[in-house]
Amino acid sequence: MLTKPDPDALGFLLTDVSRLLRAELERRIVAVGIDLTPAEARTLLHAAHAGATRQSLIAERMGVEAMTLSSYLDRLEARALIRREPDPNDRRAKIVQLTEDAEPVLAEIMRITSEMRNDITEQFPAPELQIFRQGLKRLQRTLTDMRPECRKGNSA
């Protein structure tokens, strides 16, 4: 008999919750009709979160291939919601920046995400939610610190 993985293992739970969050956000974005695909809306959110930054960093944070992100950015740029400029430190790289036209679209996406966040956390008492967030941040820091590029200079 094969050993079955624990469905309550942290990795399975985090992956499933992430998948469900993404699906719900996509459902709500489509429902309001903001004329962006869910992937384009997520790209706009990530670009706003990152600030003016390299396209490759946004792709990494989103967990998508550079070419996939590039197609999302092409459509956002065609709508004048972002602009891409050469990175002054590496002319091959592109820096992504939001435009002023992105502000109302981003505000609507943020309204949707805020409403969704309220809907999914209303069953949590505030102290429990705070502890949960702190735990997730600790996991995030621990996993970030485990990355090889974060260990430069360590004698490990």
Protein backbone atom coordinates (compact mmCIF):
# COMPACT_ATOMS: atom_id res chain seq x y z
CA MET A 1 0.00 0.00 0.00
CA LEU A 2 1.29 3.45 -0.94
CA THR A 3 1.88 6.01 1.76
CA LYS A 4 -0.57 8.89 1.39
CA PRO A 5 0.56 12.45 2.04
CA ASP A 6 -1.19 14.23 4.88
CA PRO A 7 -3.87 16.50 3.33
CA ASP A 8 -3.51 18.76 6.37
CA ALA A 9 0.21 19.24 5.77
CA LEU A 10 1.19 22.92 5.76
CA GLY A 11 2.24 22.92 2.09
CA PHE A 12 -1.03 21.36 0.93
CA LEU A 13 -3.12 23.75 3.03
CA LEU A 14 -1.22 26.86 1.92
CA THR A 15 -1.37 25.82 -1.74
CA ASP A 16 -5.08 25.07 -1.57
CA VAL A 17 -5.93 28.31 0.22
CA SER A 18 -3.83 30.24 -2.31
CA ARG A 19 -5.62 28.51 -5.20
CA LEU A 20 -9.03 29.25 -3.67
CA LEU A 21 -8.14 32.90 -3.00
CA ARG A 22 -6.98 33.35 -6.56
CA ALA A 23 -10.11 31.69 -7.99
CA GLU A 24 -12.39 33.87 -5.85
CA LEU A 25 -10.54 37.04 -6.84
CA GLU A 26 -10.80 36.05 -10.50
CA ARG A 27 -14.54 35.34 -10.12
CA ARG A 28 -15.12 38.76 -8.55
CA ILE A 29 -13.03 40.61 -11.15
CA VAL A 30 -14.98 39.01 -13.97
CA ALA A 31 -18.29 39.74 -12.18
CA VAL A 32 -17.68 43.52 -11.97
CA GLY A 33 -16.55 43.81 -15.59
CA ILE A 34 -13.51 46.06 -15.28
CA ASP A 35 -12.39 45.04 -18.77
CA LEU A 36 -9.25 43.30 -17.56
CA THR A 37 -8.59 39.62 -17.43
CA PRO A 38 -8.01 38.31 -13.91
CA ALA A 39 -4.34 37.77 -14.82
CA GLU A 40 -4.01 41.39 -15.97
CA ALA A 41 -5.65 42.60 -12.76
CA ARG A 42 -3.24 40.50 -10.67
CA THR A 43 -0.36 41.89 -12.72
CA LEU A 44 -1.52 45.43 -12.05
CA LEU A 45 -1.76 44.66 -8.31
CA HIS A 46 1.73 43.17 -8.25
CA ALA A 47 3.15 46.12 -10.22
CA ALA A 48 1.54 48.55 -7.77
CA HIS A 49 2.86 46.59 -4.80
CA ALA A 50 6.39 46.43 -6.20
CA GLY A 51 6.58 50.04 -7.34
CA ALA A 52 8.85 50.90 -10.26
CA THR A 53 10.74 47.65 -10.63
CA ARG A 54 12.09 45.18 -13.12
CA GLN A 55 9.69 43.10 -15.14
CA SER A 56 11.60 39.95 -14.11
CA LEU A 57 11.00 40.65 -10.41
CA ILE A 58 7.25 41.00 -10.98
CA ALA A 59 7.24 37.68 -12.85
CA GLU A 60 9.09 36.01 -9.99
CA ARG A 61 6.71 37.40 -7.37
CA MET A 62 3.70 36.30 -9.39
CA GLY A 63 5.16 32.87 -10.01
CA VAL A 64 4.83 33.12 -13.80
CA GLU A 65 7.27 32.85 -16.66
CA ALA A 66 8.75 36.06 -18.03
CA MET A 67 7.07 35.52 -21.42
CA THR A 68 3.67 35.03 -19.77
CA LEU A 69 4.07 38.26 -17.81
CA SER A 70 5.25 40.04 -20.94
CA SER A 71 1.94 39.32 -22.68
CA TYR A 72 -0.02 40.65 -19.69
CA LEU A 73 2.16 43.78 -19.66
CA ASP A 74 1.72 44.24 -23.41
CA ARG A 75 -2.06 44.43 -22.94
CA LEU A 76 -1.78 46.72 -19.91
CA GLU A 77 0.59 48.97 -21.83
CA ALA A 78 -1.80 49.07 -24.82
CA ARG A 79 -4.47 50.36 -22.41
CA ALA A 80 -1.98 52.96 -21.07
CA LEU A 81 -2.14 51.48 -17.55
CA ILE A 82 1.60 50.81 -17.33
CA ARG A 83 4.73 51.88 -19.15
CA ARG A 84 7.99 50.03 -19.57
CA GLU A 85 11.29 51.83 -19.70
CA PRO A 86 14.84 50.54 -20.04
CA ASP A 87 16.57 49.91 -16.72
CA PRO A 88 19.35 52.52 -16.45
CA ASN A 89 21.61 49.85 -14.91
CA ASP A 90 20.90 47.18 -17.54
CA ARG A 91 19.52 48.28 -20.90
CA ARG A 92 18.30 44.73 -21.59
CA ALA A 93 15.98 44.85 -18.57
CA LYS A 94 12.71 46.77 -18.40
CA ILE A 95 11.34 48.77 -15.49
CA VAL A 96 7.55 48.64 -15.12
CA GLN A 97 5.71 51.67 -13.79
CA LEU A 98 2.02 52.38 -13.37
CA THR A 99 0.56 55.37 -15.19
CA GLU A 100 -2.00 57.83 -13.85
CA ASP A 101 -4.63 56.06 -15.96
CA ALA A 102 -4.09 52.97 -13.81
CA GLU A 103 -5.26 54.74 -10.65
CA PRO A 104 -9.05 54.33 -11.06
CA VAL A 105 -8.68 50.75 -12.29
CA LEU A 106 -6.37 49.92 -9.41
CA ALA A 107 -8.79 51.58 -6.97
CA GLU A 108 -11.58 49.30 -8.24
CA ILE A 109 -9.38 46.21 -7.93
CA MET A 110 -8.42 47.28 -4.42
CA ARG A 111 -12.10 47.73 -3.55
CA ILE A 112 -12.78 44.20 -4.78
CA THR A 113 -9.85 42.74 -2.83
CA SER A 114 -10.82 44.63 0.32
CA GLU A 115 -14.40 43.39 0.11
CA MET A 116 -13.18 39.86 -0.50
CA ARG A 117 -10.76 40.06 2.42
CA ASN A 118 -13.57 41.25 4.69
CA ASP A 119 -15.86 38.45 3.51
CA ILE A 120 -13.30 35.72 4.15
CA THR A 121 -12.01 37.01 7.47
CA GLU A 122 -15.27 38.09 9.12
CA GLN A 123 -15.48 34.75 10.94
CA PHE A 124 -12.09 35.32 12.62
CA PRO A 125 -11.81 37.28 15.85
CA ALA A 126 -9.34 40.14 15.35
CA PRO A 127 -6.69 38.74 17.75
CA GLU A 128 -6.79 35.35 16.02
CA LEU A 129 -6.42 36.98 12.61
CA GLN A 130 -3.45 39.01 13.87
CA ILE A 131 -1.73 35.87 15.18
CA PHE A 132 -2.40 34.14 11.85
CA ARG A 133 -0.86 37.06 9.90
CA GLN A 134 2.17 37.10 12.19
CA GLY A 135 2.63 33.37 11.66
CA LEU A 136 2.43 33.74 7.89
CA LYS A 137 4.97 36.58 7.98
CA ARG A 138 7.31 34.41 10.04
CA LEU A 139 6.94 31.57 7.53
CA GLN A 140 7.60 34.05 4.71
CA ARG A 141 10.79 35.33 6.37
CA THR A 142 12.01 31.81 7.14
CA LEU A 143 11.45 30.63 3.58
CA THR A 144 13.05 33.77 2.15
CA ASP A 145 16.08 33.25 4.38
CA MET A 146 16.40 29.67 3.10
CA ARG A 147 16.90 30.84 -0.48
CA PRO A 148 20.51 30.39 -1.63
CA GLU A 149 20.84 34.00 -2.78
CA CYS A 150 19.92 35.13 0.76
CA ARG A 151 22.81 33.20 2.26
CA LYS A 152 25.59 35.08 0.49
CA GLY A 153 28.38 35.77 2.90
CA ASN A 154 27.24 33.08 5.35
CA SER A 155 29.72 30.35 6.22
CA ALA A 156 27.05 27.64 6.08
